[in-house]
């Protein structure tokens, strides 16, 4: 597959495996291809590396052992799961190392002159304040979290379900008591996927996406206790849910 392209078509059922260093470029491209357009402001369309850093850098550079990919023999990486076994550790890394570096890059790249930075900062601060209380409570019993994405051509094949199950097995094996995930309430296929796997609603909050800073989006915070393996359903009609949750 040529540099800069994302997978198209569907030849075989992908293999679910751990993320490897050689997957980094493909995963970064896929994240941008799968991203909700409201997440990425149009002023950043010409800076895909910056967007990919915001969305992926902690997971692929600081905790790659908790990341999984769906690898199609003919097309390469067609799905990903970014896992984090300690949400508080990610918060510390983002605050002390990743965000400062990204801010410097926005300055040197001239993004501060092409984007409404004040508006974006306000949207980010308001969203953080809205979700902070809900997420802080969740991290006590559900310290791990995940984000998933599947290329549109490969959805409704159970790939997202298999990615989540692999991460749940990993978290359970490492003694992690629970996992949480945030999902757009209106994303019914993603909500259905997580609920079919035993995730319960822990709370609700609103966010302002950078690409749509004046339209609040309601999010569901979902959680799964990993101590009960019998709760997970690994087959059935629900396995064909359209994976697109975060």
C-alpha atoms as a PDB file:
ATOM      1  CA  UNK A   1       0.000   0.000   0.000  1.00  0.00           C
ATOM      2  CA  UNK A   2       1.402   3.395  -1.002  1.00  0.00           C
ATOM      3  CA  UNK A   3       2.530   5.907   1.590  1.00  0.00           C
ATOM      4  CA  UNK A   4      -0.328   8.148   2.724  1.00  0.00           C
ATOM      5  CA  UNK A   5      -3.104   5.809   1.622  1.00  0.00           C
ATOM      6  CA  UNK A   6      -5.633   4.109   3.849  1.00  0.00           C
ATOM      7  CA  UNK A   7      -7.087   0.642   3.230  1.00  0.00           C
ATOM      8  CA  UNK A   8      -9.842   0.142   0.695  1.00  0.00           C
ATOM      9  CA  UNK A   9     -11.751  -2.956  -0.246  1.00  0.00           C
ATOM     10  CA  UNK A  10     -12.149  -6.162   1.685  1.00  0.00           C
ATOM     11  CA  UNK A  11     -10.270  -9.359   0.860  1.00  0.00           C
ATOM     12  CA  UNK A  12      -9.997 -11.464   4.039  1.00  0.00           C
ATOM     13  CA  UNK A  13     -11.140 -11.311   7.636  1.00  0.00           C
ATOM     14  CA  UNK A  14      -8.430  -9.342   9.425  1.00  0.00           C
ATOM     15  CA  UNK A  15      -6.148 -10.800  12.076  1.00  0.00           C
ATOM     16  CA  UNK A  16      -6.334  -9.168  15.505  1.00  0.00           C
ATOM     17  CA  UNK A  17      -2.837  -8.728  16.905  1.00  0.00           C
ATOM     18  CA  UNK A  18      -0.800  -6.435  19.108  1.00  0.00           C
ATOM     19  CA  UNK A  19       0.380  -3.128  17.745  1.00  0.00           C
ATOM     20  CA  UNK A  20       3.987  -3.138  16.508  1.00  0.00           C
ATOM     21  CA  UNK A  21       6.380  -0.283  15.835  1.00  0.00           C
ATOM     22  CA  UNK A  22       6.017  -0.786  12.092  1.00  0.00           C
ATOM     23  CA  UNK A  23       2.265  -0.060  12.374  1.00  0.00           C
ATOM     24  CA  UNK A  24       2.782   3.494  13.599  1.00  0.00           C
ATOM     25  CA  UNK A  25       2.383   5.275  10.263  1.00  0.00           C
ATOM     26  CA  UNK A  26      -0.588   3.197   9.130  1.00  0.00           C
ATOM     27  CA  UNK A  27      -2.380   3.679  12.439  1.00  0.00           C
ATOM     28  CA  UNK A  28      -1.839   7.438  12.410  1.00  0.00           C
ATOM     29  CA  UNK A  29      -3.332   7.675   8.908  1.00  0.00           C
ATOM     30  CA  UNK A  30      -6.253   5.450   9.845  1.00  0.00           C
ATOM     31  CA  UNK A  31      -7.058   7.515  12.944  1.00  0.00           C
ATOM     32  CA  UNK A  32      -7.444  10.622  10.797  1.00  0.00           C
ATOM     33  CA  UNK A  33      -9.540   8.738   8.237  1.00  0.00           C
ATOM     34  CA  UNK A  34     -11.881   7.445  10.957  1.00  0.00           C
ATOM     35  CA  UNK A  35     -12.101  10.656  12.993  1.00  0.00           C
ATOM     36  CA  UNK A  36     -15.434  12.391  13.441  1.00  0.00           C
ATOM     37  CA  UNK A  37     -15.149  15.569  11.392  1.00  0.00           C
ATOM     38  CA  UNK A  38     -16.339  17.550  14.391  1.00  0.00           C
ATOM     39  CA  UNK A  39     -13.204  16.495  16.266  1.00  0.00           C
ATOM     40  CA  UNK A  40     -10.798  18.060  13.770  1.00  0.00           C
ATOM     41  CA  UNK A  41     -11.275  21.751  12.880  1.00  0.00           C
ATOM     42  CA  UNK A  42     -10.918  22.504   9.173  1.00  0.00           C
ATOM     43  CA  UNK A  43      -8.029  24.866   9.914  1.00  0.00           C
ATOM     44  CA  UNK A  44      -5.958  21.783  10.781  1.00  0.00           C
ATOM     45  CA  UNK A  45      -6.672  19.925   7.525  1.00  0.00           C
ATOM     46  CA  UNK A  46      -3.248  20.937   6.248  1.00  0.00           C
ATOM     47  CA  UNK A  47      -1.543  19.671   9.416  1.00  0.00           C
ATOM     48  CA  UNK A  48      -2.383  15.938   9.596  1.00  0.00           C
ATOM     49  CA  UNK A  49       0.787  15.180  11.578  1.00  0.00           C
ATOM     50  CA  UNK A  50      -0.295  17.568  14.303  1.00  0.00           C
ATOM     51  CA  UNK A  51      -3.779  16.029  14.436  1.00  0.00           C
ATOM     52  CA  UNK A  52      -2.309  12.523  14.565  1.00  0.00           C
ATOM     53  CA  UNK A  53      -0.041  13.540  17.450  1.00  0.00           C
ATOM     54  CA  UNK A  54      -3.003  14.796  19.478  1.00  0.00           C
ATOM     55  CA  UNK A  55      -5.045  11.653  18.861  1.00  0.00           C
ATOM     56  CA  UNK A  56      -2.381   8.939  18.968  1.00  0.00           C
ATOM     57  CA  UNK A  57       0.918   9.970  20.505  1.00  0.00           C
ATOM     58  CA  UNK A  58       0.359   8.813  24.074  1.00  0.00           C
ATOM     59  CA  UNK A  59      -0.923   5.408  23.021  1.00  0.00           C
ATOM     60  CA  UNK A  60       1.590   4.476  20.318  1.00  0.00           C
ATOM     61  CA  UNK A  61       4.642   6.069  21.963  1.00  0.00           C
ATOM     62  CA  UNK A  62       4.024   5.718  25.707  1.00  0.00           C
ATOM     63  CA  UNK A  63       1.839   2.596  26.022  1.00  0.00           C
ATOM     64  CA  UNK A  64       2.042   0.641  22.739  1.00  0.00           C
ATOM     65  CA  UNK A  65       1.815  -2.678  24.593  1.00  0.00           C
ATOM     66  CA  UNK A  66      -1.857  -1.918  25.308  1.00  0.00           C
ATOM     67  CA  UNK A  67      -2.707  -1.203  21.660  1.00  0.00           C
ATOM     68  CA  UNK A  68      -4.198  -3.670  19.189  1.00  0.00           C
ATOM     69  CA  UNK A  69      -4.741  -3.628  15.435  1.00  0.00           C
ATOM     70  CA  UNK A  70      -6.834  -5.482  12.883  1.00  0.00           C
ATOM     71  CA  UNK A  71      -4.480  -6.497  10.082  1.00  0.00           C
ATOM     72  CA  UNK A  72      -5.945  -7.468   6.713  1.00  0.00           C
ATOM     73  CA  UNK A  73      -3.549  -9.560   4.574  1.00  0.00           C
ATOM     74  CA  UNK A  74      -4.375  -7.572   1.461  1.00  0.00           C
ATOM     75  CA  UNK A  75      -4.823  -4.057   2.785  1.00  0.00           C
ATOM     76  CA  UNK A  76      -2.839  -3.737   6.008  1.00  0.00           C
ATOM     77  CA  UNK A  77      -4.151  -2.139   9.192  1.00  0.00           C
ATOM     78  CA  UNK A  78      -7.916  -1.604   8.922  1.00  0.00           C
ATOM     79  CA  UNK A  79      -8.821  -1.172  12.590  1.00  0.00           C
ATOM     80  CA  UNK A  80      -7.201  -0.137  15.850  1.00  0.00           C
ATOM     81  CA  UNK A  81      -7.777  -0.124  19.571  1.00  0.00           C
ATOM     82  CA  UNK A  82      -5.845   2.314  21.704  1.00  0.00           C
ATOM     83  CA  UNK A  83      -5.775   0.962  25.226  1.00  0.00           C
ATOM     84  CA  UNK A  84      -4.574   2.547  28.425  1.00  0.00           C
ATOM     85  CA  UNK A  85      -4.292   0.564  31.646  1.00  0.00           C
ATOM     86  CA  UNK A  86      -3.957   3.667  33.845  1.00  0.00           C
ATOM     87  CA  UNK A  87      -5.930   6.758  32.849  1.00  0.00           C
ATOM     88  CA  UNK A  88      -4.208   8.831  35.529  1.00  0.00           C
ATOM     89  CA  UNK A  89      -0.798   7.940  34.092  1.00  0.00           C
ATOM     90  CA  UNK A  90      -1.973   9.128  30.668  1.00  0.00           C
ATOM     91  CA  UNK A  91      -3.218  12.397  32.169  1.00  0.00           C
ATOM     92  CA  UNK A  92       0.199  13.046  33.718  1.00  0.00           C
ATOM     93  CA  UNK A  93       2.013  12.250  30.461  1.00  0.00           C
ATOM     94  CA  UNK A  94      -0.325  14.445  28.422  1.00  0.00           C
ATOM     95  CA  UNK A  95      -0.010  17.381  30.822  1.00  0.00           C
ATOM     96  CA  UNK A  96       3.742  17.254  31.341  1.00  0.00           C
ATOM     97  CA  UNK A  97       5.134  16.069  28.012  1.00  0.00           C
ATOM     98  CA  UNK A  98       2.726  15.696  25.102  1.00  0.00           C
ATOM     99  CA  UNK A  99       0.556  18.819  25.231  1.00  0.00           C
ATOM    100  CA  UNK A 100       3.497  21.219  25.803  1.00  0.00           C
ATOM    101  CA  UNK A 101       5.305  19.711  22.810  1.00  0.00           C
ATOM    102  CA  UNK A 102       2.171  20.009  20.657  1.00  0.00           C
ATOM    103  CA  UNK A 103       1.713  23.651  21.656  1.00  0.00           C
ATOM    104  CA  UNK A 104       5.267  24.415  20.562  1.00  0.00           C
ATOM    105  CA  UNK A 105       4.642  22.676  17.248  1.00  0.00           C
ATOM    106  CA  UNK A 106       1.491  24.733  16.627  1.00  0.00           C
ATOM    107  CA  UNK A 107       3.548  27.879  17.136  1.00  0.00           C
ATOM    108  CA  UNK A 108       6.373  26.843  14.825  1.00  0.00           C
ATOM    109  CA  UNK A 109       3.923  25.518  12.216  1.00  0.00           C
ATOM    110  CA  UNK A 110       2.049  28.811  12.174  1.00  0.00           C
ATOM    111  CA  UNK A 111      -1.218  27.167  13.230  1.00  0.00           C
ATOM    112  CA  UNK A 112      -1.793  29.879  15.823  1.00  0.00           C
ATOM    113  CA  UNK A 113      -2.314  32.295  12.925  1.00  0.00           C
ATOM    114  CA  UNK A 114      -4.672  30.073  10.884  1.00  0.00           C
ATOM    115  CA  UNK A 115      -6.867  28.665  13.684  1.00  0.00           C
ATOM    116  CA  UNK A 116      -9.119  30.513  16.162  1.00  0.00           C
ATOM    117  CA  UNK A 117      -6.953  29.390  19.070  1.00  0.00           C
ATOM    118  CA  UNK A 118      -8.970  31.208  21.718  1.00  0.00           C
ATOM    119  CA  UNK A 119     -12.152  29.525  20.548  1.00  0.00           C
ATOM    120  CA  UNK A 120     -10.510  26.113  20.453  1.00  0.00           C
ATOM    121  CA  UNK A 121      -9.005  26.590  23.916  1.00  0.00           C
ATOM    122  CA  UNK A 122     -12.397  27.595  25.324  1.00  0.00           C
ATOM    123  CA  UNK A 123     -14.057  24.537  23.769  1.00  0.00           C
ATOM    124  CA  UNK A 124     -11.366  22.290  25.227  1.00  0.00           C
ATOM    125  CA  UNK A 125     -11.583  23.823  28.696  1.00  0.00           C
ATOM    126  CA  UNK A 126     -15.366  23.670  28.814  1.00  0.00           C
ATOM    127  CA  UNK A 127     -15.383  20.053  27.648  1.00  0.00           C
ATOM    128  CA  UNK A 128     -12.738  19.097  30.215  1.00  0.00           C
ATOM    129  CA  UNK A 129     -14.714  20.717  33.046  1.00  0.00           C
ATOM    130  CA  UNK A 130     -17.921  19.001  31.917  1.00  0.00           C
ATOM    131  CA  UNK A 131     -16.424  15.507  31.873  1.00  0.00           C
ATOM    132  CA  UNK A 132     -13.863  15.818  34.664  1.00  0.00           C
ATOM    133  CA  UNK A 133     -16.136  15.003  37.610  1.00  0.00           C
ATOM    134  CA  UNK A 134     -17.751  12.037  35.847  1.00  0.00           C
ATOM    135  CA  UNK A 135     -14.450  10.627  34.621  1.00  0.00           C
ATOM    136  CA  UNK A 136     -12.667  11.173  37.939  1.00  0.00           C
ATOM    137  CA  UNK A 137     -15.217   8.979  39.713  1.00  0.00           C
ATOM    138  CA  UNK A 138     -14.996   6.388  36.968  1.00  0.00           C
ATOM    139  CA  UNK A 139     -11.230   6.026  37.161  1.00  0.00           C
ATOM    140  CA  UNK A 140     -11.498   4.750  40.742  1.00  0.00           C
ATOM    141  CA  UNK A 141     -13.251   1.529  39.757  1.00  0.00           C
ATOM    142  CA  UNK A 142     -12.538   1.571  36.027  1.00  0.00           C
ATOM    143  CA  UNK A 143      -8.931   2.814  35.720  1.00  0.00           C
ATOM    144  CA  UNK A 144      -8.328   1.580  32.168  1.00  0.00           C
ATOM    145  CA  UNK A 145      -9.861   3.078  29.059  1.00  0.00           C
ATOM    146  CA  UNK A 146      -9.965   2.449  25.328  1.00  0.00           C
ATOM    147  CA  UNK A 147     -10.629   4.093  21.961  1.00  0.00           C
ATOM    148  CA  UNK A 148     -11.445   2.102  18.845  1.00  0.00           C
ATOM    149  CA  UNK A 149     -11.773   2.831  15.162  1.00  0.00           C
ATOM    150  CA  UNK A 150     -12.469   0.671  12.111  1.00  0.00           C
ATOM    151  CA  UNK A 151     -12.121   1.703   8.485  1.00  0.00           C
ATOM    152  CA  UNK A 152     -15.598   2.253   6.941  1.00  0.00           C
ATOM    153  CA  UNK A 153     -15.044  -0.502   4.361  1.00  0.00           C
ATOM    154  CA  UNK A 154     -14.514  -3.034   7.163  1.00  0.00           C
ATOM    155  CA  UNK A 155     -17.351  -2.203   9.528  1.00  0.00           C
ATOM    156  CA  UNK A 156     -20.210  -4.583  10.381  1.00  0.00           C
ATOM    157  CA  UNK A 157     -17.827  -7.546  10.447  1.00  0.00           C
ATOM    158  CA  UNK A 158     -17.317  -7.808  14.200  1.00  0.00           C
ATOM    159  CA  UNK A 159     -13.809  -6.323  14.051  1.00  0.00           C
ATOM    160  CA  UNK A 160     -14.433  -3.707  16.716  1.00  0.00           C
ATOM    161  CA  UNK A 161     -15.911  -6.370  18.957  1.00  0.00           C
ATOM    162  CA  UNK A 162     -12.831  -8.582  18.609  1.00  0.00           C
ATOM    163  CA  UNK A 163     -10.512  -5.656  19.328  1.00  0.00           C
ATOM    164  CA  UNK A 164     -12.387  -4.829  22.532  1.00  0.00           C
ATOM    165  CA  UNK A 165     -12.398  -8.464  23.660  1.00  0.00           C
ATOM    166  CA  UNK A 166      -8.636  -8.736  23.216  1.00  0.00           C
ATOM    167  CA  UNK A 167      -8.070  -5.632  25.325  1.00  0.00           C
ATOM    168  CA  UNK A 168     -10.505  -6.809  27.995  1.00  0.00           C
ATOM    169  CA  UNK A 169      -8.621 -10.111  28.226  1.00  0.00           C
ATOM    170  CA  UNK A 170      -5.339  -8.195  28.553  1.00  0.00           C
ATOM    171  CA  UNK A 171      -6.701  -5.918  31.290  1.00  0.00           C
ATOM    172  CA  UNK A 172      -8.114  -8.862  33.209  1.00  0.00           C
ATOM    173  CA  UNK A 173      -4.828 -10.754  32.986  1.00  0.00           C
ATOM    174  CA  UNK A 174      -3.006  -7.735  34.429  1.00  0.00           C
ATOM    175  CA  UNK A 175      -5.432  -7.402  37.329  1.00  0.00           C
ATOM    176  CA  UNK A 176      -7.174  -4.229  36.125  1.00  0.00           C
ATOM    177  CA  UNK A 177     -10.639  -4.129  37.791  1.00  0.00           C
ATOM    178  CA  UNK A 178     -12.498  -2.150  35.148  1.00  0.00           C
ATOM    179  CA  UNK A 179     -12.428  -0.357  31.788  1.00  0.00           C
ATOM    180  CA  UNK A 180     -14.280   2.746  30.667  1.00  0.00           C
ATOM    181  CA  UNK A 181     -14.974   4.259  27.251  1.00  0.00           C
ATOM    182  CA  UNK A 182     -16.618   7.466  26.064  1.00  0.00           C
ATOM    183  CA  UNK A 183     -19.133   7.213  23.220  1.00  0.00           C
ATOM    184  CA  UNK A 184     -21.210   9.835  21.428  1.00  0.00           C
ATOM    185  CA  UNK A 185     -24.768   9.193  22.604  1.00  0.00           C
ATOM    186  CA  UNK A 186     -26.114   9.539  19.054  1.00  0.00           C
ATOM    187  CA  UNK A 187     -23.699   6.879  17.748  1.00  0.00           C
ATOM    188  CA  UNK A 188     -26.192   4.073  18.180  1.00  0.00           C
ATOM    189  CA  UNK A 189     -24.095   1.298  16.561  1.00  0.00           C
ATOM    190  CA  UNK A 190     -21.163   2.009  18.898  1.00  0.00           C
ATOM    191  CA  UNK A 191     -23.441   2.200  21.951  1.00  0.00           C
ATOM    192  CA  UNK A 192     -25.014  -1.103  20.917  1.00  0.00           C
ATOM    193  CA  UNK A 193     -21.589  -2.722  20.525  1.00  0.00           C
ATOM    194  CA  UNK A 194     -20.411  -1.757  23.999  1.00  0.00           C
ATOM    195  CA  UNK A 195     -23.676  -2.644  25.693  1.00  0.00           C
ATOM    196  CA  UNK A 196     -23.694  -6.055  23.997  1.00  0.00           C
ATOM    197  CA  UNK A 197     -20.293  -6.638  25.615  1.00  0.00           C
ATOM    198  CA  UNK A 198     -21.626  -5.839  29.081  1.00  0.00           C
ATOM    199  CA  UNK A 199     -20.652  -2.169  29.411  1.00  0.00           C
ATOM    200  CA  UNK A 200     -22.993  -0.138  31.647  1.00  0.00           C
ATOM    201  CA  UNK A 201     -23.656   3.603  31.620  1.00  0.00           C
ATOM    202  CA  UNK A 202     -21.581   5.289  34.340  1.00  0.00           C
ATOM    203  CA  UNK A 203     -22.575   8.848  33.545  1.00  0.00           C
ATOM    204  CA  UNK A 204     -23.209  11.513  30.923  1.00  0.00           C
ATOM    205  CA  UNK A 205     -21.473  14.751  30.003  1.00  0.00           C
ATOM    206  CA  UNK A 206     -21.237  17.228  27.142  1.00  0.00           C
ATOM    207  CA  UNK A 207     -18.267  18.163  24.999  1.00  0.00           C
ATOM    208  CA  UNK A 208     -17.560  20.895  22.484  1.00  0.00           C
ATOM    209  CA  UNK A 209     -15.643  19.373  19.598  1.00  0.00           C
ATOM    210  CA  UNK A 210     -12.943  21.655  18.146  1.00  0.00           C
ATOM    211  CA  UNK A 211     -14.456  21.367  14.663  1.00  0.00           C
ATOM    212  CA  UNK A 212     -17.904  22.385  15.917  1.00  0.00           C
ATOM    213  CA  UNK A 213     -17.258  24.538  18.997  1.00  0.00           C
ATOM    214  CA  UNK A 214     -20.783  25.966  19.262  1.00  0.00           C
ATOM    215  CA  UNK A 215     -22.726  22.693  19.194  1.00  0.00           C
ATOM    216  CA  UNK A 216     -22.399  20.641  22.423  1.00  0.00           C
ATOM    217  CA  UNK A 217     -22.406  16.873  21.914  1.00  0.00           C
ATOM    218  CA  UNK A 218     -23.732  14.546  24.606  1.00  0.00           C
ATOM    219  CA  UNK A 219     -21.373  11.728  25.547  1.00  0.00           C
ATOM    220  CA  UNK A 220     -22.002   8.518  27.445  1.00  0.00           C
ATOM    221  CA  UNK A 221     -19.345   7.204  29.801  1.00  0.00           C
ATOM    222  CA  UNK A 222     -19.556   3.412  29.728  1.00  0.00           C
ATOM    223  CA  UNK A 223     -17.823   0.966  32.038  1.00  0.00           C
ATOM    224  CA  UNK A 224     -17.132  -2.750  32.277  1.00  0.00           C
ATOM    225  CA  UNK A 225     -15.922  -4.660  35.315  1.00  0.00           C
ATOM    226  CA  UNK A 226     -13.338  -7.151  34.123  1.00  0.00           C
ATOM    227  CA  UNK A 227     -13.689  -9.509  37.081  1.00  0.00           C
ATOM    228  CA  UNK A 228     -16.621 -11.373  35.507  1.00  0.00           C
ATOM    229  CA  UNK A 229     -15.497 -13.051  32.275  1.00  0.00           C
ATOM    230  CA  UNK A 230     -18.875 -14.769  31.939  1.00  0.00           C
ATOM    231  CA  UNK A 231     -20.502 -11.400  31.306  1.00  0.00           C
ATOM    232  CA  UNK A 232     -18.809 -11.010  27.933  1.00  0.00           C
ATOM    233  CA  UNK A 233     -20.700 -12.314  24.935  1.00  0.00           C
ATOM    234  CA  UNK A 234     -18.339 -13.354  22.173  1.00  0.00           C
ATOM    235  CA  UNK A 235     -20.847 -14.316  19.517  1.00  0.00           C
ATOM    236  CA  UNK A 236     -24.341 -13.580  18.310  1.00  0.00           C
ATOM    237  CA  UNK A 237     -26.076 -11.197  15.977  1.00  0.00           C
ATOM    238  CA  UNK A 238     -24.863  -8.201  17.930  1.00  0.00           C
ATOM    239  CA  UNK A 239     -21.300  -8.960  16.832  1.00  0.00           C
ATOM    240  CA  UNK A 240     -22.060  -7.251  13.519  1.00  0.00           C
ATOM    241  CA  UNK A 241     -22.562  -3.864  15.120  1.00  0.00           C
ATOM    242  CA  UNK A 242     -21.021  -0.978  13.217  1.00  0.00           C
ATOM    243  CA  UNK A 243     -17.855  -0.244  15.167  1.00  0.00           C
ATOM    244  CA  UNK A 244     -17.173   3.448  15.410  1.00  0.00           C
ATOM    245  CA  UNK A 245     -17.066   4.266  19.102  1.00  0.00           C
ATOM    246  CA  UNK A 246     -14.444   6.046  21.030  1.00  0.00           C
END
